[in-house]
N, C-alpha and C. Protein backbone atom coordinates (compact mmCIF):
# COMPACT_ATOMS: atom_id res chain seq x y z
N MET A 1 0.84 -1.18 0.00
CA MET A 1 0.00 0.00 0.00
C MET A 1 0.88 1.24 0.00
N ILE A 2 0.56 2.20 -0.86
CA ILE A 2 1.29 3.46 -0.91
C ILE A 2 0.52 4.49 -0.09
N THR A 3 1.22 5.21 0.77
CA THR A 3 0.60 6.26 1.56
C THR A 3 1.33 7.57 1.31
N ASN A 4 0.85 8.63 1.92
CA ASN A 4 1.51 9.93 1.78
C ASN A 4 2.76 10.04 2.64
N ALA A 5 3.03 9.04 3.44
CA ALA A 5 4.25 8.96 4.27
C ALA A 5 4.47 10.23 5.09
N GLY A 6 3.40 10.79 5.61
CA GLY A 6 3.52 11.98 6.46
C GLY A 6 3.74 13.27 5.69
N ILE A 7 3.68 13.22 4.37
CA ILE A 7 3.87 14.42 3.55
C ILE A 7 2.51 15.11 3.39
N ALA A 8 2.49 16.42 3.56
CA ALA A 8 1.24 17.17 3.42
C ALA A 8 0.70 17.04 1.99
N TYR A 9 -0.63 17.01 1.86
CA TYR A 9 -1.29 16.94 0.56
C TYR A 9 -1.87 18.31 0.27
N GLU A 10 -1.20 19.08 -0.58
CA GLU A 10 -1.63 20.43 -0.91
C GLU A 10 -1.85 20.53 -2.41
N LYS A 11 -3.11 20.65 -2.81
CA LYS A 11 -3.40 20.76 -4.25
C LYS A 11 -2.63 21.93 -4.84
N GLY A 12 -2.02 21.67 -5.98
CA GLY A 12 -1.27 22.70 -6.68
C GLY A 12 0.19 22.80 -6.26
N ASN A 13 0.58 22.13 -5.19
CA ASN A 13 1.96 22.17 -4.72
C ASN A 13 2.68 20.90 -5.19
N ILE A 14 3.49 21.06 -6.20
CA ILE A 14 4.17 19.92 -6.81
C ILE A 14 5.12 19.23 -5.83
N ASN A 15 5.53 19.94 -4.77
CA ASN A 15 6.44 19.37 -3.78
C ASN A 15 5.72 18.68 -2.63
N SER A 16 4.40 18.63 -2.68
CA SER A 16 3.62 17.95 -1.64
C SER A 16 3.23 16.55 -2.12
N ALA A 17 2.47 15.85 -1.31
CA ALA A 17 1.99 14.52 -1.71
C ALA A 17 1.14 14.60 -2.98
N TRP A 18 0.48 15.73 -3.19
CA TRP A 18 -0.30 15.95 -4.43
C TRP A 18 0.62 15.77 -5.64
N GLY A 19 1.80 16.36 -5.59
CA GLY A 19 2.76 16.22 -6.69
C GLY A 19 3.28 14.80 -6.83
N LEU A 20 3.50 14.15 -5.69
CA LEU A 20 3.94 12.75 -5.70
C LEU A 20 2.92 11.87 -6.41
N TRP A 21 1.65 12.00 -6.02
CA TRP A 21 0.58 11.22 -6.65
C TRP A 21 0.43 11.61 -8.12
N GLY A 22 0.62 12.89 -8.40
CA GLY A 22 0.52 13.34 -9.79
C GLY A 22 1.58 12.72 -10.68
N ARG A 23 2.80 12.65 -10.18
CA ARG A 23 3.87 12.04 -10.96
C ARG A 23 3.62 10.55 -11.18
N LEU A 24 3.15 9.88 -10.14
CA LEU A 24 2.82 8.46 -10.26
C LEU A 24 1.71 8.28 -11.30
N SER A 25 0.66 9.08 -11.21
CA SER A 25 -0.45 8.99 -12.14
C SER A 25 -0.03 9.33 -13.57
N SER A 26 0.86 10.30 -13.71
CA SER A 26 1.36 10.65 -15.04
C SER A 26 2.10 9.49 -15.68
N THR A 27 2.91 8.82 -14.89
CA THR A 27 3.64 7.66 -15.40
C THR A 27 2.68 6.57 -15.87
N LEU A 28 1.67 6.30 -15.05
CA LEU A 28 0.69 5.28 -15.44
C LEU A 28 -0.08 5.70 -16.69
N ALA A 29 -0.50 6.95 -16.76
CA ALA A 29 -1.26 7.44 -17.92
C ALA A 29 -0.43 7.36 -19.20
N SER A 30 0.85 7.58 -19.08
CA SER A 30 1.72 7.54 -20.27
C SER A 30 1.97 6.12 -20.76
N LYS A 31 1.63 5.13 -19.95
CA LYS A 31 1.87 3.74 -20.33
C LYS A 31 0.61 3.00 -20.78
N ILE A 32 -0.53 3.68 -20.80
CA ILE A 32 -1.77 3.06 -21.27
C ILE A 32 -1.57 2.62 -22.71
N ASN A 33 -1.92 1.39 -23.02
CA ASN A 33 -1.71 0.89 -24.38
C ASN A 33 -3.00 0.44 -25.04
N THR A 34 -4.10 1.13 -24.71
CA THR A 34 -5.37 0.85 -25.36
C THR A 34 -5.85 2.12 -26.06
N LYS A 35 -6.86 1.99 -26.90
CA LYS A 35 -7.40 3.14 -27.63
C LYS A 35 -8.42 3.91 -26.83
N SER A 36 -8.94 3.29 -25.76
CA SER A 36 -9.94 3.97 -24.93
C SER A 36 -9.82 3.51 -23.49
N VAL A 37 -10.30 4.38 -22.59
CA VAL A 37 -10.30 4.06 -21.16
C VAL A 37 -11.64 4.47 -20.56
N LYS A 38 -12.03 3.79 -19.49
CA LYS A 38 -13.18 4.18 -18.70
C LYS A 38 -12.66 4.83 -17.43
N VAL A 39 -13.20 6.00 -17.12
CA VAL A 39 -12.77 6.74 -15.94
C VAL A 39 -13.94 6.84 -14.98
N TYR A 40 -13.79 6.30 -13.80
CA TYR A 40 -14.79 6.40 -12.75
C TYR A 40 -14.40 7.60 -11.88
N ILE A 41 -15.27 8.61 -11.86
CA ILE A 41 -14.91 9.87 -11.21
C ILE A 41 -16.15 10.56 -10.66
N THR A 42 -15.97 11.33 -9.61
CA THR A 42 -17.09 12.11 -9.07
C THR A 42 -17.23 13.40 -9.87
N GLU A 43 -18.40 14.01 -9.80
CA GLU A 43 -18.63 15.30 -10.46
C GLU A 43 -17.64 16.34 -9.94
N ALA A 44 -17.42 16.32 -8.62
CA ALA A 44 -16.52 17.31 -8.01
C ALA A 44 -15.11 17.20 -8.57
N LYS A 45 -14.58 15.99 -8.67
CA LYS A 45 -13.23 15.80 -9.20
C LYS A 45 -13.17 16.12 -10.69
N LEU A 46 -14.24 15.84 -11.40
CA LEU A 46 -14.29 16.14 -12.83
C LEU A 46 -14.23 17.64 -13.08
N LYS A 47 -14.81 18.42 -12.19
CA LYS A 47 -14.87 19.88 -12.34
C LYS A 47 -13.67 20.60 -11.70
N ASP A 48 -12.91 19.91 -10.88
CA ASP A 48 -11.79 20.52 -10.15
C ASP A 48 -10.55 20.60 -11.04
N PRO A 49 -10.12 21.80 -11.42
CA PRO A 49 -8.96 21.91 -12.32
C PRO A 49 -7.65 21.40 -11.69
N LYS A 50 -7.60 21.30 -10.37
CA LYS A 50 -6.39 20.82 -9.72
C LYS A 50 -6.51 19.38 -9.22
N SER A 51 -7.55 18.68 -9.68
CA SER A 51 -7.63 17.26 -9.33
C SER A 51 -6.51 16.53 -10.07
N ILE A 52 -6.08 15.43 -9.52
CA ILE A 52 -5.03 14.63 -10.16
C ILE A 52 -5.46 14.29 -11.59
N TRP A 53 -6.73 14.00 -11.76
CA TRP A 53 -7.26 13.66 -13.08
C TRP A 53 -7.07 14.80 -14.07
N ASN A 54 -7.57 15.98 -13.72
CA ASN A 54 -7.54 17.11 -14.67
C ASN A 54 -6.15 17.71 -14.84
N PHE A 55 -5.36 17.71 -13.82
CA PHE A 55 -4.05 18.36 -13.89
C PHE A 55 -2.98 17.47 -14.51
N PHE A 56 -3.06 16.18 -14.25
CA PHE A 56 -2.01 15.27 -14.70
C PHE A 56 -2.48 14.26 -15.75
N GLU A 57 -3.47 13.44 -15.38
CA GLU A 57 -3.82 12.28 -16.20
C GLU A 57 -4.54 12.62 -17.50
N ARG A 58 -5.61 13.39 -17.41
CA ARG A 58 -6.43 13.69 -18.60
C ARG A 58 -5.63 14.31 -19.74
N PRO A 59 -4.80 15.33 -19.47
CA PRO A 59 -4.04 15.92 -20.58
C PRO A 59 -3.13 14.91 -21.30
N ILE A 60 -2.54 14.01 -20.54
CA ILE A 60 -1.66 13.01 -21.15
C ILE A 60 -2.47 12.09 -22.07
N LEU A 61 -3.61 11.61 -21.56
CA LEU A 61 -4.43 10.71 -22.37
C LEU A 61 -4.98 11.42 -23.61
N GLU A 62 -5.43 12.66 -23.45
CA GLU A 62 -5.96 13.41 -24.60
C GLU A 62 -4.87 13.65 -25.63
N ASN A 63 -3.68 14.02 -25.18
CA ASN A 63 -2.57 14.28 -26.11
C ASN A 63 -2.14 13.02 -26.86
N ARG A 64 -2.41 11.88 -26.26
CA ARG A 64 -2.07 10.61 -26.90
C ARG A 64 -3.21 10.09 -27.79
N GLY A 65 -4.34 10.84 -27.83
CA GLY A 65 -5.46 10.44 -28.68
C GLY A 65 -6.29 9.30 -28.12
N ILE A 66 -6.22 9.08 -26.83
CA ILE A 66 -6.98 7.99 -26.20
C ILE A 66 -8.39 8.48 -25.89
N ASN A 67 -9.38 7.71 -26.32
CA ASN A 67 -10.78 8.04 -26.06
C ASN A 67 -11.09 7.83 -24.58
N ILE A 68 -11.80 8.79 -23.98
CA ILE A 68 -12.11 8.73 -22.56
C ILE A 68 -13.62 8.62 -22.38
N GLU A 69 -14.05 7.57 -21.70
CA GLU A 69 -15.46 7.38 -21.36
C GLU A 69 -15.61 7.65 -19.87
N TYR A 70 -16.43 8.64 -19.54
CA TYR A 70 -16.62 9.01 -18.14
C TYR A 70 -17.80 8.24 -17.52
N ILE A 71 -17.57 7.73 -16.34
CA ILE A 71 -18.62 7.09 -15.55
C ILE A 71 -18.64 7.85 -14.22
N ILE A 72 -19.72 8.61 -14.04
CA ILE A 72 -19.83 9.46 -12.85
C ILE A 72 -20.31 8.63 -11.67
N VAL A 73 -19.58 8.74 -10.57
CA VAL A 73 -19.92 8.02 -9.33
C VAL A 73 -20.20 9.04 -8.24
N LYS A 74 -20.87 8.56 -7.19
CA LYS A 74 -21.16 9.46 -6.06
C LYS A 74 -20.15 9.31 -4.98
């Protein structure tokens, strides 16, 4: 299990756990080898410009031409 290891989670701060998770997510997004993905996400995270999804993952997938299917969860 990966945790924040006592590092503060501050959205927008690349030196916080937010940045750590963002880098991990970016690496995973860059290695997707399918033409489409399903994303399970809340409305709040979908609308948040500093969510890991919007700031890191989505741009990588879009730039790679991967089709994104959103499944909104509560």
